[in-house]
Amino acid sequence: MARHSTRQKVVHVRLSEAEFLALRTFSVDVGLSVSEVLRRLSRRAGGFGATLDGEGGFAVRVHAEELRQVGGSLDRIARGLSGKDDPAFEVLIDGIGRLARLVNDQASEIRAMCDEEQRVARQRVAGDV
């Protein structure tokens, strides 16, 4: 994880009592400080994307590792095709088919994970916050 420099700058934001309570409740629910929630929201609004922590980050790392393994399998298939012996096309076709299904499954799971994260985020944020 990147090392953070000491934060010394302060930004003042005026909120209504209800807005502040909603923001604070949200912060407690997700286990972050109000400042960290606001930093993440500003990064996201600036187009820098979400910060992946906890289960979401773990799931992304698992999917990335599985996709790296697919890359390794594709390298082995390419070496098999460029070898001196005639390639066993049925074995290669079967292997490529399995890899294609795995990649499609990964894409579907990642898409579902993103959809679920968005659904949960929308439920957590209510009102003007």
N, C-alpha and C. Protein backbone atom coordinates (compact mmCIF):
# COMPACT_ATOMS: atom_id res chain seq x y z
N MET A 1 0.83 -1.16 0.00
CA MET A 1 0.00 0.00 0.00
C MET A 1 0.88 1.23 0.00
N ALA A 2 0.44 2.27 -0.68
CA ALA A 2 1.22 3.50 -0.76
C ALA A 2 1.27 4.19 0.60
N ARG A 3 2.41 4.77 0.88
CA ARG A 3 2.57 5.48 2.14
C ARG A 3 2.02 6.89 1.98
N HIS A 4 1.18 7.30 2.91
CA HIS A 4 0.56 8.62 2.83
C HIS A 4 1.45 9.65 3.51
N SER A 5 1.49 10.83 2.93
CA SER A 5 2.20 11.92 3.58
C SER A 5 1.28 12.50 4.66
N THR A 6 1.86 13.23 5.58
CA THR A 6 1.08 13.84 6.64
C THR A 6 0.13 14.85 6.02
N ARG A 7 -1.12 14.71 6.38
CA ARG A 7 -2.13 15.61 5.83
C ARG A 7 -2.21 16.85 6.70
N GLN A 8 -1.96 18.00 6.10
CA GLN A 8 -1.95 19.24 6.86
C GLN A 8 -2.95 20.26 6.33
N LYS A 9 -3.53 20.03 5.19
CA LYS A 9 -4.48 20.98 4.61
C LYS A 9 -5.89 20.65 5.09
N VAL A 10 -6.69 21.69 5.31
CA VAL A 10 -8.04 21.52 5.82
C VAL A 10 -9.02 22.14 4.83
N VAL A 11 -10.12 21.44 4.60
CA VAL A 11 -11.20 21.95 3.76
C VAL A 11 -12.44 22.02 4.64
N HIS A 12 -13.11 23.14 4.61
CA HIS A 12 -14.34 23.31 5.38
C HIS A 12 -15.54 23.13 4.46
N VAL A 13 -16.48 22.31 4.89
CA VAL A 13 -17.70 22.06 4.13
C VAL A 13 -18.88 22.28 5.07
N ARG A 14 -19.85 23.05 4.63
CA ARG A 14 -21.03 23.29 5.46
C ARG A 14 -22.09 22.25 5.10
N LEU A 15 -22.58 21.56 6.12
CA LEU A 15 -23.63 20.56 5.96
C LEU A 15 -24.75 20.87 6.93
N SER A 16 -25.95 20.45 6.57
CA SER A 16 -27.05 20.54 7.53
C SER A 16 -26.82 19.46 8.58
N GLU A 17 -27.54 19.56 9.68
CA GLU A 17 -27.43 18.55 10.74
C GLU A 17 -27.77 17.16 10.19
N ALA A 18 -28.84 17.09 9.39
CA ALA A 18 -29.26 15.80 8.83
C ALA A 18 -28.20 15.25 7.88
N GLU A 19 -27.60 16.11 7.05
CA GLU A 19 -26.56 15.66 6.12
C GLU A 19 -25.35 15.14 6.88
N PHE A 20 -24.95 15.87 7.92
CA PHE A 20 -23.79 15.45 8.70
C PHE A 20 -24.05 14.12 9.40
N LEU A 21 -25.24 13.98 9.99
CA LEU A 21 -25.57 12.72 10.67
C LEU A 21 -25.58 11.56 9.68
N ALA A 22 -26.13 11.79 8.48
CA ALA A 22 -26.13 10.73 7.47
C ALA A 22 -24.71 10.37 7.05
N LEU A 23 -23.87 11.38 6.86
CA LEU A 23 -22.47 11.15 6.48
C LEU A 23 -21.73 10.41 7.58
N ARG A 24 -21.94 10.83 8.81
CA ARG A 24 -21.26 10.18 9.94
C ARG A 24 -21.74 8.74 10.11
N THR A 25 -23.04 8.52 9.99
CA THR A 25 -23.58 7.16 10.09
C THR A 25 -23.00 6.27 9.00
N PHE A 26 -22.95 6.79 7.79
CA PHE A 26 -22.36 6.04 6.68
C PHE A 26 -20.91 5.71 6.98
N SER A 27 -20.16 6.68 7.48
CA SER A 27 -18.74 6.48 7.79
C SER A 27 -18.55 5.37 8.81
N VAL A 28 -19.37 5.39 9.86
CA VAL A 28 -19.29 4.35 10.89
C VAL A 28 -19.64 2.99 10.30
N ASP A 29 -20.70 2.96 9.47
CA ASP A 29 -21.14 1.69 8.88
C ASP A 29 -20.06 1.04 8.02
N VAL A 30 -19.29 1.86 7.31
CA VAL A 30 -18.26 1.29 6.42
C VAL A 30 -16.89 1.23 7.09
N GLY A 31 -16.81 1.69 8.35
CA GLY A 31 -15.57 1.58 9.10
C GLY A 31 -14.49 2.56 8.68
N LEU A 32 -14.89 3.74 8.23
CA LEU A 32 -13.92 4.75 7.81
C LEU A 32 -14.21 6.05 8.54
N SER A 33 -13.20 6.90 8.60
CA SER A 33 -13.42 8.23 9.17
C SER A 33 -14.21 9.07 8.17
N VAL A 34 -14.85 10.12 8.66
CA VAL A 34 -15.56 11.04 7.78
C VAL A 34 -14.59 11.62 6.75
N SER A 35 -13.38 11.96 7.19
CA SER A 35 -12.38 12.51 6.27
C SER A 35 -12.05 11.53 5.16
N GLU A 36 -11.87 10.26 5.51
CA GLU A 36 -11.53 9.26 4.49
C GLU A 36 -12.68 9.06 3.52
N VAL A 37 -13.92 9.07 4.01
CA VAL A 37 -15.08 8.96 3.12
C VAL A 37 -15.08 10.12 2.14
N LEU A 38 -14.87 11.33 2.63
CA LEU A 38 -14.86 12.50 1.75
C LEU A 38 -13.70 12.45 0.76
N ARG A 39 -12.53 11.98 1.19
CA ARG A 39 -11.39 11.84 0.27
C ARG A 39 -11.72 10.86 -0.85
N ARG A 40 -12.31 9.73 -0.47
CA ARG A 40 -12.65 8.72 -1.49
C ARG A 40 -13.72 9.23 -2.44
N LEU A 41 -14.71 9.93 -1.91
CA LEU A 41 -15.74 10.49 -2.77
C LEU A 41 -15.16 11.51 -3.74
N SER A 42 -14.23 12.34 -3.26
CA SER A 42 -13.63 13.34 -4.15
C SER A 42 -12.75 12.68 -5.20
N ARG A 43 -12.02 11.61 -4.83
CA ARG A 43 -11.21 10.89 -5.83
C ARG A 43 -12.12 10.28 -6.89
N ARG A 44 -13.22 9.71 -6.44
CA ARG A 44 -14.14 9.08 -7.37
C ARG A 44 -14.78 10.12 -8.28
N ALA A 45 -15.18 11.26 -7.72
CA ALA A 45 -15.77 12.33 -8.53
C ALA A 45 -14.77 12.86 -9.54
N GLY A 46 -13.50 12.80 -9.20
CA GLY A 46 -12.44 13.24 -10.11
C GLY A 46 -12.09 12.21 -11.16
N GLY A 47 -12.77 11.07 -11.15
CA GLY A 47 -12.54 10.04 -12.15
C GLY A 47 -11.45 9.06 -11.80
N PHE A 48 -11.02 9.03 -10.54
CA PHE A 48 -9.93 8.13 -10.15
C PHE A 48 -10.41 6.76 -9.71
N GLY A 49 -11.71 6.54 -9.63
CA GLY A 49 -12.25 5.24 -9.30
C GLY A 49 -12.29 4.97 -7.82
N ALA A 50 -12.87 3.84 -7.50
CA ALA A 50 -13.06 3.45 -6.11
C ALA A 50 -11.78 2.86 -5.53
N THR A 51 -11.66 2.94 -4.21
CA THR A 51 -10.57 2.29 -3.50
C THR A 51 -11.07 0.91 -3.09
N LEU A 52 -10.36 -0.12 -3.46
CA LEU A 52 -10.81 -1.47 -3.16
C LEU A 52 -10.16 -1.96 -1.87
N ASP A 53 -10.98 -2.12 -0.87
CA ASP A 53 -10.53 -2.65 0.41
C ASP A 53 -11.34 -3.90 0.72
N GLY A 54 -10.93 -4.60 1.72
CA GLY A 54 -11.72 -5.71 2.25
C GLY A 54 -12.03 -6.77 1.23
N GLU A 55 -13.28 -7.27 1.28
CA GLU A 55 -13.70 -8.37 0.42
C GLU A 55 -13.62 -8.01 -1.06
N GLY A 56 -13.98 -6.78 -1.40
CA GLY A 56 -13.93 -6.37 -2.81
C GLY A 56 -12.53 -6.45 -3.37
N GLY A 57 -11.56 -5.94 -2.62
CA GLY A 57 -10.18 -5.99 -3.07
C GLY A 57 -9.66 -7.41 -3.16
N PHE A 58 -10.04 -8.25 -2.19
CA PHE A 58 -9.62 -9.65 -2.20
C PHE A 58 -10.20 -10.35 -3.43
N ALA A 59 -11.49 -10.11 -3.71
CA ALA A 59 -12.12 -10.76 -4.86
C ALA A 59 -11.45 -10.34 -6.16
N VAL A 60 -11.10 -9.08 -6.29
CA VAL A 60 -10.44 -8.61 -7.51
C VAL A 60 -9.07 -9.28 -7.65
N ARG A 61 -8.34 -9.41 -6.54
CA ARG A 61 -7.02 -10.07 -6.61
C ARG A 61 -7.17 -11.54 -7.01
N VAL A 62 -8.20 -12.22 -6.51
CA VAL A 62 -8.44 -13.62 -6.88
C VAL A 62 -8.74 -13.72 -8.38
N HIS A 63 -9.62 -12.84 -8.87
CA HIS A 63 -9.94 -12.86 -10.30
C HIS A 63 -8.70 -12.56 -11.15
N ALA A 64 -7.90 -11.60 -10.72
CA ALA A 64 -6.69 -11.26 -11.47
C ALA A 64 -5.73 -12.44 -11.53
N GLU A 65 -5.59 -13.16 -10.43
CA GLU A 65 -4.70 -14.33 -10.41
C GLU A 65 -5.22 -15.41 -11.36
N GLU A 66 -6.52 -15.65 -11.36
CA GLU A 66 -7.09 -16.66 -12.26
C GLU A 66 -6.87 -16.25 -13.72
N LEU A 67 -7.00 -14.98 -14.01
CA LEU A 67 -6.77 -14.52 -15.38
C LEU A 67 -5.29 -14.61 -15.76
N ARG A 68 -4.38 -14.41 -14.79
CA ARG A 68 -2.95 -14.61 -15.06
C ARG A 68 -2.68 -16.07 -15.41
N GLN A 69 -3.36 -16.99 -14.74
CA GLN A 69 -3.19 -18.41 -15.04
C GLN A 69 -3.69 -18.72 -16.45
N VAL A 70 -4.76 -18.06 -16.87
CA VAL A 70 -5.24 -18.23 -18.24
C VAL A 70 -4.15 -17.79 -19.21
N GLY A 71 -3.50 -16.67 -18.91
CA GLY A 71 -2.41 -16.21 -19.77
C GLY A 71 -1.30 -17.23 -19.87
N GLY A 72 -0.96 -17.86 -18.75
CA GLY A 72 0.06 -18.91 -18.76
C GLY A 72 -0.36 -20.09 -19.62
N SER A 73 -1.63 -20.47 -19.53
CA SER A 73 -2.14 -21.57 -20.35
C SER A 73 -2.09 -21.22 -21.83
N LEU A 74 -2.42 -19.99 -22.15
CA LEU A 74 -2.36 -19.56 -23.56
C LEU A 74 -0.92 -19.60 -24.07
N ASP A 75 0.04 -19.24 -23.23
CA ASP A 75 1.45 -19.33 -23.62
C ASP A 75 1.83 -20.78 -23.94
N ARG A 76 1.38 -21.71 -23.10
CA ARG A 76 1.68 -23.13 -23.34
C ARG A 76 1.05 -23.61 -24.64
N ILE A 77 -0.17 -23.16 -24.91
CA ILE A 77 -0.84 -23.54 -26.16
C ILE A 77 -0.06 -22.99 -27.35
N ALA A 78 0.37 -21.75 -27.26
CA ALA A 78 1.14 -21.14 -28.36
C ALA A 78 2.44 -21.91 -28.59
N ARG A 79 3.11 -22.31 -27.51
CA ARG A 79 4.35 -23.09 -27.67
C ARG A 79 4.04 -24.44 -28.31
N GLY A 80 2.90 -25.03 -27.94
CA GLY A 80 2.52 -26.30 -28.54
C GLY A 80 2.26 -26.19 -30.03
N LEU A 81 1.72 -25.06 -30.43
CA LEU A 81 1.46 -24.85 -31.86
C LEU A 81 2.72 -24.58 -32.65
N SER A 82 3.74 -24.02 -32.00
CA SER A 82 4.95 -23.67 -32.73
C SER A 82 6.06 -24.70 -32.57
N GLY A 83 5.77 -25.84 -31.97
CA GLY A 83 6.77 -26.88 -31.78
C GLY A 83 7.07 -27.64 -33.06
N LYS A 84 8.04 -28.56 -32.96
CA LYS A 84 8.45 -29.35 -34.13
C LYS A 84 7.42 -30.41 -34.49
N ASP A 85 6.75 -30.96 -33.49
CA ASP A 85 5.76 -32.02 -33.74
C ASP A 85 4.44 -31.39 -34.20
N ASP A 86 3.68 -32.21 -34.93
CA ASP A 86 2.34 -31.76 -35.32
C ASP A 86 1.50 -31.60 -34.05
N PRO A 87 0.84 -30.46 -33.92
CA PRO A 87 0.02 -30.26 -32.71
C PRO A 87 -1.20 -31.17 -32.71
N ALA A 88 -1.60 -31.57 -31.52
CA ALA A 88 -2.81 -32.37 -31.35
C ALA A 88 -3.98 -31.38 -31.30
N PHE A 89 -4.59 -31.15 -32.47
CA PHE A 89 -5.59 -30.09 -32.56
C PHE A 89 -6.79 -30.31 -31.65
N GLU A 90 -7.22 -31.54 -31.47
CA GLU A 90 -8.38 -31.77 -30.59
C GLU A 90 -8.07 -31.34 -29.17
N VAL A 91 -6.87 -31.65 -28.70
CA VAL A 91 -6.47 -31.25 -27.35
C VAL A 91 -6.38 -29.73 -27.27
N LEU A 92 -5.80 -29.10 -28.29
CA LEU A 92 -5.68 -27.64 -28.30
C LEU A 92 -7.05 -26.97 -28.34
N ILE A 93 -7.93 -27.47 -29.18
CA ILE A 93 -9.27 -26.89 -29.28
C ILE A 93 -10.01 -27.03 -27.96
N ASP A 94 -9.89 -28.19 -27.33
CA ASP A 94 -10.53 -28.40 -26.02
C ASP A 94 -9.96 -27.43 -24.99
N GLY A 95 -8.64 -27.28 -24.97
CA GLY A 95 -8.00 -26.37 -24.01
C GLY A 95 -8.42 -24.92 -24.23
N ILE A 96 -8.46 -24.51 -25.49
CA ILE A 96 -8.87 -23.14 -25.79
C ILE A 96 -10.34 -22.93 -25.40
N GLY A 97 -11.16 -23.92 -25.64
CA GLY A 97 -12.58 -23.82 -25.25
C GLY A 97 -12.74 -23.66 -23.74
N ARG A 98 -11.97 -24.45 -22.98
CA ARG A 98 -12.03 -24.32 -21.51
C ARG A 98 -11.56 -22.95 -21.06
N LEU A 99 -10.47 -22.45 -21.67
CA LEU A 99 -9.98 -21.12 -21.31
C LEU A 99 -10.99 -20.03 -21.66
N ALA A 100 -11.64 -20.16 -22.80
CA ALA A 100 -12.66 -19.17 -23.19
C ALA A 100 -13.81 -19.17 -22.19
N ARG A 101 -14.23 -20.36 -21.75
CA ARG A 101 -15.31 -20.43 -20.75
C ARG A 101 -14.86 -19.81 -19.44
N LEU A 102 -13.62 -20.06 -19.04
CA LEU A 102 -13.10 -19.49 -17.79
C LEU A 102 -13.06 -17.97 -17.87
N VAL A 103 -12.57 -17.44 -18.98
CA VAL A 103 -12.51 -15.98 -19.14
C VAL A 103 -13.92 -15.39 -19.13
N ASN A 104 -14.86 -16.03 -19.82
CA ASN A 104 -16.24 -15.54 -19.81
C ASN A 104 -16.84 -15.59 -18.41
N ASP A 105 -16.57 -16.67 -17.67
CA ASP A 105 -17.05 -16.77 -16.29
C ASP A 105 -16.46 -15.66 -15.43
N GLN A 106 -15.16 -15.41 -15.60
CA GLN A 106 -14.51 -14.34 -14.83
C GLN A 106 -15.15 -12.99 -15.14
N ALA A 107 -15.37 -12.73 -16.41
CA ALA A 107 -15.98 -11.45 -16.80
C ALA A 107 -17.37 -11.32 -16.19
N SER A 108 -18.15 -12.39 -16.21
CA SER A 108 -19.49 -12.36 -15.62
C SER A 108 -19.43 -12.13 -14.12
N GLU A 109 -18.51 -12.81 -13.44
CA GLU A 109 -18.39 -12.65 -11.99
C GLU A 109 -17.94 -11.24 -11.62
N ILE A 110 -16.99 -10.69 -12.37
CA ILE A 110 -16.53 -9.32 -12.09
C ILE A 110 -17.66 -8.33 -12.34
N ARG A 111 -18.40 -8.52 -13.43
CA ARG A 111 -19.53 -7.64 -13.72
C ARG A 111 -20.57 -7.72 -12.61
N ALA A 112 -20.89 -8.94 -12.15
CA ALA A 112 -21.86 -9.11 -11.06
C ALA A 112 -21.36 -8.47 -9.77
N MET A 113 -20.06 -8.61 -9.51
CA MET A 113 -19.48 -8.01 -8.30
C MET A 113 -19.61 -6.49 -8.36
N CYS A 114 -19.33 -5.90 -9.51
CA CYS A 114 -19.46 -4.44 -9.65
C CYS A 114 -20.91 -4.01 -9.49
N ASP A 115 -21.83 -4.75 -10.10
CA ASP A 115 -23.25 -4.42 -9.98
C ASP A 115 -23.70 -4.49 -8.53
N GLU A 116 -23.25 -5.51 -7.82
CA GLU A 116 -23.62 -5.67 -6.40
C GLU A 116 -23.04 -4.54 -5.56
N GLU A 117 -21.79 -4.17 -5.81
CA GLU A 117 -21.18 -3.06 -5.07
C GLU A 117 -21.95 -1.77 -5.30
N GLN A 118 -22.35 -1.53 -6.54
CA GLN A 118 -23.13 -0.33 -6.83
C GLN A 118 -24.49 -0.37 -6.13
N ARG A 119 -25.13 -1.53 -6.11
CA ARG A 119 -26.43 -1.67 -5.45
C ARG A 119 -26.29 -1.39 -3.96
N VAL A 120 -25.28 -1.97 -3.33
CA VAL A 120 -25.06 -1.76 -1.90
C VAL A 120 -24.74 -0.30 -1.61
N ALA A 121 -23.91 0.31 -2.44
CA ALA A 121 -23.56 1.72 -2.23
C ALA A 121 -24.79 2.61 -2.34
N ARG A 122 -25.66 2.32 -3.31
CA ARG A 122 -26.87 3.13 -3.44
C ARG A 122 -27.78 2.97 -2.22
N GLN A 123 -27.84 1.78 -1.66
CA GLN A 123 -28.66 1.57 -0.46
C GLN A 123 -28.09 2.30 0.74
N ARG A 124 -26.77 2.35 0.84
CA ARG A 124 -26.13 2.97 2.00
C ARG A 124 -26.26 4.49 1.99
N VAL A 125 -26.25 5.05 0.81
CA VAL A 125 -26.28 6.51 0.70
C VAL A 125 -27.72 6.94 0.47
N ALA A 126 -28.25 7.68 1.42
CA ALA A 126 -29.63 8.16 1.30
C ALA A 126 -29.64 9.67 1.44
N GLY A 127 -30.69 10.28 0.96
CA GLY A 127 -30.83 11.72 1.10
C GLY A 127 -29.84 12.47 0.24
N ASP A 128 -29.32 13.55 0.78
CA ASP A 128 -28.43 14.43 0.03
C ASP A 128 -26.97 14.06 0.17
N VAL A 129 -26.67 13.02 0.93
CA VAL A 129 -25.27 12.68 1.18
C VAL A 129 -24.79 11.72 0.11
